[in-house]
Amino acid sequence: MAAKQTEPVTIISLRKLSQATPEPQQKETKTFTVEDAVETIGFGRFHIALFLIMGSTGVVEAMEIMLIAVVSPVIRCEWQLENWQVAFVTTMVFFGYMVSSILFGLLADRYGRWKILLLSFLWGAYFSLLTSFSPSYVWFVFLRTMVGCGVSGHAQGLIIKTEFLPTKYRGYMLPLSQVFWLAGSLLIISLASVLIPTIGWRWLIRVASIPGIILIMAFKFIPESARFNVSTGNTRAALDTLESIAKMNRSVMPEGQLVEPILEKRGRFADLLDSKYLRTTLQIWIIWLGISFAYYGVILASAELLERDLVCGSKSGSEPEVEVTTGDTEGSLSPCYCHLFAPSDYRTMIISTLGEIALNPLNILGINFLGRRLSLSITMGCTALFFLLLNICTSSAGLIGFLFMLRALVAANFNTIYIYTAEVYPTPMRALGMGTSGSLCRIGAMVAPFISQVLMSASFLGALCLFSSVCVVCAISAFTLPIETKGRALQQIK
């Protein structure tokens, strides 16, 4: 029997159709980060104002630090101090700097860079004025230590500049900040040459406090870091800041919504020693310590060379006891072993200080074309060489030339490490990274006076070899740093 053929069956499925208008597909919302905004807005009038105001913090810091070098011969005579007592003043200034530097770094990462910068300037100006009324050596040491505490917060000005500058401008604008440190150094030396012989060192300190007080009033024109605000969840404040910068620069903002992750944990010391940053942090600390040791060693050695005439060997025997005018308002005479700076000594200090700007063009080229690491290792190696050359018995002009080059090189070292440290750490730990580095830096500054003002009197060559050896270690450490930050955007997330 033939099989029955199966006919194909067509099945029609009916479904209820909605008469409602279909929903349009939502477009993806555009977003941007602070880094995108900073790069899009570009460089303009805001950054020039930022450079002038925040850069001027270097003028105040230089005046407060260099003040010790120009006042040392006078207080040595007035209070009949020994070498170690003169050195102890500088050491305690940097001890105060070291202790408060970490604290200010922690506070800046938690509460803002701008607030801590303002607090540090108020603190420094107050205690600097009090120093001029010091009734004794002990009070002078204590009050200058308090000034050191205040000066340590000035680094927040550099961080604010770094966080607002577009990537390609950081390698050019930040080294130019050395001009402000140079201006402060020259200003305090010039004031000392006029005021100390006439109305005394106390009035020098009072006059030197004026630039810091004026600068405090200029801070209101600079906003809090947008990177900091957005990292704490204050996106509205960050957006307002970026919009005002764009308006001032006559530029435009990126399209979309400002979005950044809120960082709950900020400014933790443990992050600096995390496996990702451990080697970098340790090598940076070594470099900061060595650069500071060399920098303040050069400054204090310059003053010591002029005051004690240690070139071509120390003077044999003790100097005759002389009566000199302390330069104080009372005009009292104080018999002591001392030698006050002559006008020619101030001129030598001014010429050698001008060296701090001499290598700036080459330093900028090196930072931007060779990179931060190689540039720093070269200048540190040259610093070691010139320390040894300082031992050559030469004329006064030769001494000035060597001091000029040393000041140029140590200033270039500081320029590069400041930029590298501000770039290598992400926003949540940038201020703490700078703070801890600045703190370790002051250990070198605390030791430098005892080498420049005590050991140098006993063994001139020994002191120079010590300075040179430390610079060699720093050069090696700089060359082997694991991260190169040239052309790299600032990191927002750890």
Protein backbone atom coordinates (compact mmCIF):
# COMPACT_ATOMS: atom_id res chain seq x y z
CA MET A 1 0.00 0.00 0.00
CA ALA A 2 1.45 3.32 -0.97
CA ALA A 3 2.46 5.64 1.85
CA LYS A 4 0.17 8.60 2.32
CA GLN A 5 1.94 11.85 1.26
CA THR A 6 2.14 14.44 4.02
CA GLU A 7 1.12 17.92 2.93
CA PRO A 8 3.22 20.86 4.18
CA VAL A 9 1.49 22.96 6.81
CA THR A 10 2.08 26.69 7.09
CA ILE A 11 1.83 28.03 10.63
CA ILE A 12 1.07 31.69 11.06
CA SER A 13 1.92 33.23 14.44
CA LEU A 14 0.06 36.33 15.47
CA ARG A 15 1.30 38.74 18.09
CA LYS A 16 -0.11 41.88 19.51
CA LEU A 17 1.51 44.97 18.06
CA SER A 18 1.84 48.01 20.21
CA GLN A 19 0.64 51.22 18.67
CA ALA A 20 2.95 53.27 20.91
CA THR A 21 5.84 55.15 19.31
CA PRO A 22 9.09 53.15 19.65
CA GLU A 23 11.59 54.63 22.17
CA PRO A 24 14.57 56.33 20.52
CA GLN A 25 17.94 54.77 21.25
CA GLN A 26 19.82 56.85 23.83
CA LYS A 27 23.07 58.40 22.68
CA GLU A 28 26.16 57.63 24.73
CA THR A 29 27.02 60.60 26.96
CA LYS A 30 30.46 62.08 26.29
CA THR A 31 32.79 62.35 29.25
CA PHE A 32 36.18 63.88 29.92
CA THR A 33 38.74 63.92 32.72
CA VAL A 34 40.65 66.79 34.33
CA GLU A 35 43.68 65.75 32.29
CA ASP A 36 41.62 66.05 29.08
CA ALA A 37 40.38 69.48 30.16
CA VAL A 38 43.84 70.77 31.05
CA GLU A 39 45.24 69.65 27.71
CA THR A 40 42.26 71.02 25.73
CA ILE A 41 42.28 74.42 27.44
CA GLY A 42 46.02 74.72 26.80
CA PHE A 43 48.45 77.38 27.99
CA GLY A 44 47.29 80.96 28.40
CA ARG A 45 46.88 84.01 30.63
CA PHE A 46 45.83 81.98 33.66
CA HIS A 47 49.07 80.01 33.56
CA ILE A 48 51.14 83.18 33.34
CA ALA A 49 49.41 84.52 36.49
CA LEU A 50 49.85 81.10 38.12
CA PHE A 51 53.54 81.09 37.22
CA LEU A 52 54.12 84.57 38.66
CA ILE A 53 52.20 84.09 41.92
CA MET A 54 53.11 80.49 42.76
CA GLY A 55 56.65 81.03 41.47
CA SER A 56 57.05 83.92 43.89
CA THR A 57 56.83 81.43 46.76
CA GLY A 58 60.42 80.62 45.74
CA VAL A 59 61.44 84.24 46.40
CA VAL A 60 60.19 84.02 49.98
CA GLU A 61 61.68 80.58 50.59
CA ALA A 62 65.08 81.63 49.20
CA MET A 63 65.15 84.74 51.38
CA GLU A 64 64.37 82.76 54.54
CA ILE A 65 66.94 80.04 53.80
CA MET A 66 69.73 82.35 52.57
CA LEU A 67 69.16 84.64 55.55
CA ILE A 68 71.15 82.28 57.78
CA ALA A 69 74.20 82.45 55.50
CA VAL A 70 74.38 86.26 55.57
CA VAL A 71 73.51 86.63 59.27
CA SER A 72 75.85 83.90 60.58
CA PRO A 73 79.00 86.11 60.85
CA VAL A 74 77.05 88.76 62.78
CA ILE A 75 75.43 86.48 65.35
CA ARG A 76 78.76 84.64 65.72
CA CYS A 77 80.26 87.91 66.84
CA GLU A 78 77.33 89.27 68.85
CA TRP A 79 76.82 86.13 70.96
CA GLN A 80 80.46 84.91 70.70
CA LEU A 81 79.51 81.58 69.16
CA GLU A 82 81.72 78.64 68.32
CA ASN A 83 81.68 76.92 64.90
CA TRP A 84 79.28 74.16 65.96
CA GLN A 85 76.84 76.69 67.42
CA VAL A 86 76.67 78.60 64.14
CA ALA A 87 76.15 75.34 62.24
CA PHE A 88 73.49 74.27 64.75
CA VAL A 89 71.27 77.22 63.76
CA THR A 90 71.04 76.00 60.15
CA THR A 91 70.58 72.41 61.25
CA MET A 92 67.61 73.28 63.45
CA VAL A 93 65.98 75.31 60.66
CA PHE A 94 66.05 72.24 58.46
CA PHE A 95 65.00 70.00 61.35
CA GLY A 96 61.81 72.06 61.60
CA TYR A 97 61.45 71.82 57.82
CA MET A 98 61.88 68.02 57.92
CA VAL A 99 59.35 67.40 60.69
CA SER A 100 56.59 69.57 59.26
CA SER A 101 57.19 68.66 55.60
CA ILE A 102 55.60 65.21 55.97
CA LEU A 103 52.76 66.63 58.05
CA PHE A 104 51.98 69.33 55.49
CA GLY A 105 52.13 66.73 52.71
CA LEU A 106 49.57 64.53 54.48
CA LEU A 107 47.29 67.48 55.20
CA ALA A 108 47.55 68.77 51.62
CA ASP A 109 46.47 65.41 50.18
CA ARG A 110 43.49 65.35 52.55
CA TYR A 111 42.35 68.98 52.81
CA GLY A 112 43.80 70.71 49.76
CA ARG A 113 47.02 72.25 48.47
CA TRP A 114 45.80 75.87 48.63
CA LYS A 115 44.80 75.78 52.32
CA ILE A 116 48.13 74.31 53.40
CA LEU A 117 50.08 76.80 51.30
CA LEU A 118 48.25 79.71 52.93
CA LEU A 119 48.75 78.24 56.42
CA SER A 120 52.48 77.74 55.85
CA PHE A 121 52.95 81.36 54.72
CA LEU A 122 51.07 82.77 57.70
CA TRP A 123 53.10 80.57 60.04
CA GLY A 124 56.43 81.47 58.42
CA ALA A 125 55.79 85.24 58.34
CA TYR A 126 54.70 85.30 62.00
CA PHE A 127 57.75 83.48 63.37
CA SER A 128 60.14 85.28 61.04
CA LEU A 129 59.05 88.62 62.49
CA LEU A 130 59.40 87.23 66.01
CA THR A 131 62.98 86.16 65.22
CA SER A 132 64.01 89.80 64.86
CA PHE A 133 63.24 90.29 68.57
CA SER A 134 65.32 87.33 69.77
CA PRO A 135 66.92 88.26 73.12
CA SER A 136 69.46 85.41 73.04
CA TYR A 137 71.02 82.68 70.94
CA VAL A 138 68.63 80.02 72.30
CA TRP A 139 65.57 82.07 71.35
CA PHE A 140 67.06 82.73 67.91
CA VAL A 141 67.52 78.98 67.28
CA PHE A 142 63.98 78.15 68.47
CA LEU A 143 62.27 80.84 66.39
CA ARG A 144 64.23 80.03 63.23
CA THR A 145 63.24 76.38 63.71
CA MET A 146 59.60 77.52 63.67
CA VAL A 147 60.29 79.46 60.46
CA GLY A 148 61.68 76.25 58.95
CA CYS A 149 58.40 74.53 59.81
CA GLY A 150 56.48 77.16 57.87
CA VAL A 151 58.78 77.21 54.85
CA SER A 152 58.27 73.45 54.35
CA GLY A 153 54.70 74.07 53.17
CA HIS A 154 55.82 76.27 50.28
CA ALA A 155 56.27 73.16 48.11
CA GLN A 156 52.49 73.09 47.66
CA GLY A 157 52.89 76.05 45.30
CA LEU A 158 54.93 73.85 42.95
CA ILE A 159 52.31 71.09 43.14
CA ILE A 160 49.51 73.52 42.23
CA LYS A 161 51.55 74.73 39.24
CA THR A 162 52.29 71.17 38.14
CA GLU A 163 48.65 70.06 38.35
CA PHE A 164 47.39 72.97 36.21
CA LEU A 165 50.09 72.93 33.50
CA PRO A 166 49.57 70.97 30.24
CA THR A 167 52.03 68.11 29.76
CA LYS A 168 54.22 69.68 27.08
CA TYR A 169 54.72 72.89 29.08
CA ARG A 170 55.79 71.34 32.39
CA GLY A 171 59.34 70.66 31.22
CA TYR A 172 59.74 74.31 30.20
CA MET A 173 57.81 76.32 32.80
CA LEU A 174 58.85 74.51 35.98
CA PRO A 175 62.62 74.99 35.46
CA LEU A 176 61.99 78.70 34.87
CA SER A 177 60.75 78.87 38.46
CA GLN A 178 64.43 78.89 39.40
CA VAL A 179 64.38 82.56 38.42
CA PHE A 180 62.31 83.29 41.53
CA TRP A 181 64.69 81.45 43.86
CA LEU A 182 67.55 83.38 42.26
CA ALA A 183 65.68 86.66 42.76
CA GLY A 184 65.11 85.85 46.43
CA SER A 185 68.76 84.95 46.98
CA LEU A 186 70.03 88.10 45.30
CA LEU A 187 67.51 90.24 47.16
CA ILE A 188 68.50 89.01 50.63
CA ILE A 189 72.24 89.37 49.87
CA SER A 190 71.73 92.89 48.55
CA LEU A 191 69.60 93.86 51.54
CA ALA A 192 72.19 92.38 53.91
CA SER A 193 75.00 94.40 52.32
CA VAL A 194 73.03 97.60 52.97
CA LEU A 195 71.13 96.93 56.21
CA ILE A 196 73.55 94.92 58.35
CA PRO A 197 76.33 97.57 58.42
CA THR A 198 73.81 100.38 59.02
CA ILE A 199 70.73 99.42 61.05
CA GLY A 200 71.57 95.80 61.90
CA TRP A 201 70.52 92.20 61.27
CA ARG A 202 67.26 92.53 63.21
CA TRP A 203 65.93 95.05 60.70
CA LEU A 204 67.15 92.85 57.87
CA ILE A 205 64.85 90.06 59.11
CA ARG A 206 61.90 92.47 59.44
CA VAL A 207 62.34 93.79 55.92
CA ALA A 208 62.81 90.26 54.57
CA SER A 209 59.36 89.31 55.95
CA ILE A 210 57.56 91.85 53.74
CA PRO A 211 57.49 89.84 50.44
CA GLY A 212 55.83 86.87 52.18
CA ILE A 213 53.13 89.08 53.68
CA ILE A 214 52.40 90.68 50.28
CA LEU A 215 52.24 87.28 48.58
CA ILE A 216 49.61 86.02 51.03
CA MET A 217 47.21 88.63 49.65
CA ALA A 218 47.85 87.43 46.07
CA PHE A 219 46.85 83.83 46.82
CA LYS A 220 43.14 84.67 46.47
CA PHE A 221 43.63 84.89 42.69
CA ILE A 222 44.71 81.23 42.47
CA PRO A 223 42.10 78.45 42.89
CA GLU A 224 42.42 75.08 44.57
CA SER A 225 43.80 72.31 42.35
CA ALA A 226 41.04 70.89 40.11
CA ARG A 227 42.75 67.50 40.26
CA PHE A 228 42.52 67.53 44.03
CA ASN A 229 38.85 68.62 44.05
CA VAL A 230 37.75 65.96 41.61
CA SER A 231 39.68 63.25 43.49
CA THR A 232 37.68 64.09 46.64
CA GLY A 233 34.33 64.05 44.84
CA ASN A 234 33.94 67.83 44.61
CA THR A 235 33.36 67.70 40.86
CA ARG A 236 31.31 70.90 40.80
CA ALA A 237 34.19 72.96 42.22
CA ALA A 238 36.65 71.34 39.81
CA LEU A 239 34.38 72.08 36.85
CA ASP A 240 33.90 75.70 37.92
CA THR A 241 37.67 76.11 38.21
CA LEU A 242 38.31 74.60 34.76
CA GLU A 243 35.58 76.73 33.17
CA SER A 244 37.00 79.93 34.68
CA ILE A 245 40.49 78.99 33.41
CA ALA A 246 39.10 78.34 29.92
CA LYS A 247 37.35 81.72 29.99
CA MET A 248 40.49 83.51 31.16
CA ASN A 249 42.57 81.76 28.48
CA ARG A 250 39.86 82.46 25.85
CA SER A 251 39.76 78.77 25.14
CA VAL A 252 37.09 76.04 25.19
CA MET A 253 36.24 73.13 27.45
CA PRO A 254 35.96 69.56 26.17
CA GLU A 255 32.43 68.42 25.35
CA GLY A 256 30.61 66.17 27.77
CA GLN A 257 30.55 65.56 31.49
CA LEU A 258 33.51 65.72 33.87
CA VAL A 259 34.04 62.25 35.29
CA GLU A 260 36.77 60.98 37.61
CA PRO A 261 36.74 58.17 40.16
CA ILE A 262 36.38 59.34 43.76
CA LEU A 263 39.43 58.23 45.70
CA GLU A 264 38.54 57.28 49.24
CA LYS A 265 42.10 56.59 50.41
CA ARG A 266 44.41 59.54 49.95
CA GLY A 267 47.82 60.50 51.22
CA ARG A 268 48.77 57.14 52.78
CA PHE A 269 52.43 56.71 53.60
CA ALA A 270 52.14 52.98 52.86
CA ASP A 271 51.36 53.77 49.20
CA LEU A 272 54.82 55.26 48.74
CA LEU A 273 56.32 51.92 49.78
CA ASP A 274 53.91 49.82 47.72
CA SER A 275 55.64 47.38 45.35
CA LYS A 276 54.74 49.58 42.36
CA TYR A 277 56.58 52.61 43.75
CA LEU A 278 59.00 51.15 46.33
CA ARG A 279 62.17 51.28 44.22
CA THR A 280 61.28 54.69 42.79
CA THR A 281 60.57 56.13 46.23
CA LEU A 282 63.79 54.86 47.80
CA GLN A 283 65.94 56.15 44.94
CA ILE A 284 64.14 59.50 44.95
CA TRP A 285 64.80 59.83 48.68
CA ILE A 286 68.52 59.15 48.14
CA ILE A 287 68.67 61.75 45.37
CA TRP A 288 66.78 64.40 47.35
CA LEU A 289 69.02 63.87 50.37
CA GLY A 290 72.19 64.12 48.28
CA ILE A 291 71.08 67.14 46.24
CA SER A 292 70.12 69.06 49.36
CA PHE A 293 73.40 68.10 51.04
CA ALA A 294 75.34 69.43 48.03
CA TYR A 295 73.19 72.54 47.49
CA TYR A 296 73.30 73.89 51.03
CA GLY A 297 76.87 72.70 51.34
CA VAL A 298 77.82 75.00 48.45
CA ILE A 299 75.91 77.96 49.92
CA LEU A 300 77.41 77.61 53.38
CA ALA A 301 80.86 76.73 52.06
CA SER A 302 80.82 79.93 49.99
CA ALA A 303 80.15 81.99 53.09
CA GLU A 304 82.76 80.05 55.06
CA LEU A 305 85.40 80.43 52.35
CA LEU A 306 84.86 84.18 52.35
CA GLU A 307 84.63 84.56 56.12
CA ARG A 308 87.62 82.38 57.05
CA ASP A 309 89.75 82.52 53.89
CA LEU A 310 90.16 78.74 53.66
CA VAL A 311 91.28 78.69 50.04
CA CYS A 312 94.74 77.13 49.59
CA GLY A 313 94.60 75.78 53.14
CA SER A 314 93.30 76.99 56.44
CA LYS A 315 94.93 79.84 58.24
CA SER A 316 97.25 78.60 60.87
CA GLY A 317 96.68 79.57 64.43
CA SER A 318 93.80 81.46 65.81
CA GLU A 319 92.78 84.83 64.52
CA PRO A 320 93.46 87.82 66.72
CA GLU A 321 90.70 88.99 68.98
CA VAL A 322 89.07 92.06 67.51
CA GLU A 323 86.41 94.48 68.54
CA VAL A 324 83.70 94.90 65.94
CA THR A 325 80.39 96.67 65.82
CA THR A 326 77.54 94.19 65.83
CA GLY A 327 75.47 96.45 63.64
CA ASP A 328 72.58 96.33 66.06
CA THR A 329 70.50 99.38 66.80
CA GLU A 330 72.15 99.76 70.17
CA GLY A 331 75.55 100.09 68.46
CA SER A 332 77.26 98.11 71.21
CA LEU A 333 80.73 96.70 70.76
CA SER A 334 81.30 93.01 71.28
CA PRO A 335 84.84 91.56 71.56
CA CYS A 336 84.96 88.20 69.79
CA TYR A 337 86.77 86.10 67.23
CA CYS A 338 84.93 87.01 64.04
CA HIS A 339 85.19 88.46 60.60
CA LEU A 340 82.22 90.34 59.18
CA PHE A 341 81.59 90.34 55.45
CA ALA A 342 83.23 93.16 53.52
CA PRO A 343 81.53 94.73 50.46
CA SER A 344 83.74 92.58 48.21
CA ASP A 345 82.45 89.43 49.96
CA TYR A 346 78.84 90.40 49.24
CA ARG A 347 79.78 91.00 45.59
CA THR A 348 81.34 87.53 45.40
CA MET A 349 78.20 85.97 46.87
CA ILE A 350 76.02 87.83 44.35
CA ILE A 351 78.15 86.72 41.39
CA SER A 352 78.21 83.08 42.50
CA THR A 353 74.46 83.19 43.16
CA LEU A 354 73.86 84.37 39.59
CA GLY A 355 75.20 80.99 38.56
CA GLU A 356 71.88 79.44 39.58
CA ILE A 357 70.31 80.72 36.36
CA ALA A 358 73.32 80.17 34.09
CA LEU A 359 72.53 76.58 33.10
CA ASN A 360 68.75 77.01 32.92
CA PRO A 361 68.57 76.96 29.08
CA LEU A 362 70.72 73.80 28.91
CA ASN A 363 68.80 72.30 31.83
CA ILE A 364 65.48 72.87 30.02
CA LEU A 365 66.82 71.31 26.82
CA GLY A 366 68.20 68.33 28.73
CA ILE A 367 64.96 67.73 30.63
CA ASN A 368 62.84 67.85 27.47
CA PHE A 369 65.09 66.02 25.01
CA LEU A 370 67.31 63.73 27.08
CA GLY A 371 64.64 63.02 29.69
CA ARG A 372 64.55 63.63 33.42
CA ARG A 373 66.73 60.69 34.46
CA LEU A 374 69.67 61.15 32.08
CA SER A 375 69.69 64.94 32.50
CA LEU A 376 69.84 64.61 36.29
CA SER A 377 72.59 61.98 36.23
CA ILE A 378 74.76 64.22 34.00
CA THR A 379 74.38 67.34 36.15
CA MET A 380 75.00 65.34 39.36
CA GLY A 381 78.20 63.87 37.88
CA CYS A 382 79.41 67.35 36.91
CA THR A 383 78.62 68.62 40.41
CA ALA A 384 80.88 65.92 41.88
CA LEU A 385 83.69 67.00 39.54
CA PHE A 386 83.45 70.71 40.41
CA PHE A 387 83.50 69.99 44.14
CA LEU A 388 86.92 68.40 43.62
CA LEU A 389 88.08 71.28 41.41
CA LEU A 390 87.32 73.65 44.28
CA ASN A 391 90.42 72.27 46.01
CA ILE A 392 92.69 73.76 43.34
CA CYS A 393 94.72 76.67 44.72
CA THR A 394 93.57 79.51 42.55
CA SER A 395 93.00 83.26 42.44
CA SER A 396 89.93 85.07 43.73
CA ALA A 397 88.53 85.12 40.18
CA GLY A 398 89.10 81.36 39.88
CA LEU A 399 87.29 80.75 43.17
CA ILE A 400 84.34 82.83 42.00
CA GLY A 401 84.28 80.86 38.74
CA PHE A 402 84.20 77.49 40.53
CA LEU A 403 81.50 78.68 42.94
CA PHE A 404 79.53 80.07 39.99
CA MET A 405 79.52 76.70 38.20
CA LEU A 406 78.74 74.78 41.38
CA ARG A 407 75.72 76.98 42.07
CA ALA A 408 74.58 76.52 38.46
CA LEU A 409 74.84 72.73 38.68
CA VAL A 410 73.22 72.26 42.09
CA ALA A 411 70.34 74.52 40.99
CA ALA A 412 69.87 72.40 37.85
CA ASN A 413 69.79 69.28 40.04
CA PHE A 414 67.01 70.74 42.17
CA ASN A 415 65.02 71.80 39.09
CA THR A 416 65.03 68.30 37.65
CA ILE A 417 64.23 66.35 40.81
CA TYR A 418 61.37 68.73 41.68
CA ILE A 419 59.79 68.10 38.26
CA TYR A 420 60.38 64.35 38.35
CA THR A 421 58.92 63.88 41.83
CA ALA A 422 55.80 65.93 41.01
CA GLU A 423 55.26 63.89 37.83
CA VAL A 424 56.02 60.36 38.95
CA TYR A 425 53.37 60.05 41.70
CA PRO A 426 49.58 60.02 41.06
CA THR A 427 47.28 62.75 42.42
CA PRO A 428 46.19 60.92 45.64
CA MET A 429 49.79 60.73 46.85
CA ARG A 430 51.54 63.55 44.97
CA ALA A 431 51.66 66.02 47.85
CA LEU A 432 52.76 63.31 50.28
CA GLY A 433 55.43 62.17 47.82
CA MET A 434 56.74 65.72 47.62
CA GLY A 435 56.42 66.16 51.38
CA THR A 436 58.37 63.04 52.31
CA SER A 437 61.01 63.79 49.69
CA GLY A 438 61.32 67.32 51.03
CA SER A 439 61.62 65.90 54.52
CA LEU A 440 64.45 63.53 53.56
CA CYS A 441 66.01 66.40 51.65
CA ARG A 442 66.33 68.35 54.90
CA ILE A 443 68.38 65.60 56.50
CA GLY A 444 71.04 66.42 53.92
CA ALA A 445 70.58 70.11 54.69
CA MET A 446 70.92 69.43 58.44
CA VAL A 447 74.25 67.62 57.96
CA ALA A 448 75.67 70.14 55.44
CA PRO A 449 76.44 72.91 58.00
CA PHE A 450 78.68 70.62 60.07
CA ILE A 451 80.62 69.67 56.94
CA SER A 452 80.84 73.19 55.51
CA GLN A 453 81.34 75.08 58.77
CA VAL A 454 83.12 72.56 61.01
CA LEU A 455 84.83 69.76 59.02
CA MET A 456 85.95 72.16 56.28
CA SER A 457 87.94 74.16 58.84
CA ALA A 458 89.73 70.98 59.94
CA SER A 459 90.14 69.22 56.58
CA PHE A 460 89.28 71.20 53.45
CA LEU A 461 89.98 68.32 51.05
CA GLY A 462 88.14 65.81 53.24
CA ALA A 463 84.98 67.92 53.18
CA LEU A 464 85.14 68.35 49.40
CA CYS A 465 85.67 64.61 48.83
CA LEU A 466 82.65 63.84 50.99
CA PHE A 467 80.45 66.22 48.98
CA SER A 468 81.77 64.77 45.72
CA SER A 469 81.18 61.15 46.76
CA VAL A 470 77.56 61.83 47.68
CA CYS A 471 76.98 63.44 44.27
CA VAL A 472 78.38 60.36 42.50
CA VAL A 473 75.95 58.11 44.40
CA CYS A 474 73.08 60.39 43.39
CA ALA A 475 74.16 60.35 39.74
CA ILE A 476 74.06 56.55 39.70
CA SER A 477 70.69 56.51 41.46
CA ALA A 478 69.23 59.00 38.97
CA PHE A 479 70.47 57.02 35.97
CA THR A 480 68.85 53.80 37.24
CA LEU A 481 65.42 55.25 38.18
CA PRO A 482 62.76 52.76 36.94
CA ILE A 483 60.28 55.31 35.52
CA GLU A 484 60.88 58.08 32.96
CA THR A 485 58.22 60.81 33.15
CA LYS A 486 59.19 62.77 30.03
CA GLY A 487 56.02 63.38 27.96
CA ARG A 488 53.87 61.35 30.36
CA ALA A 489 50.48 62.66 31.53
CA LEU A 490 50.01 63.16 35.26
CA GLN A 491 48.56 60.01 36.79
CA GLN A 492 45.20 60.36 38.55
CA ILE A 493 44.79 56.76 39.80
CA LYS A 494 47.33 54.68 41.74
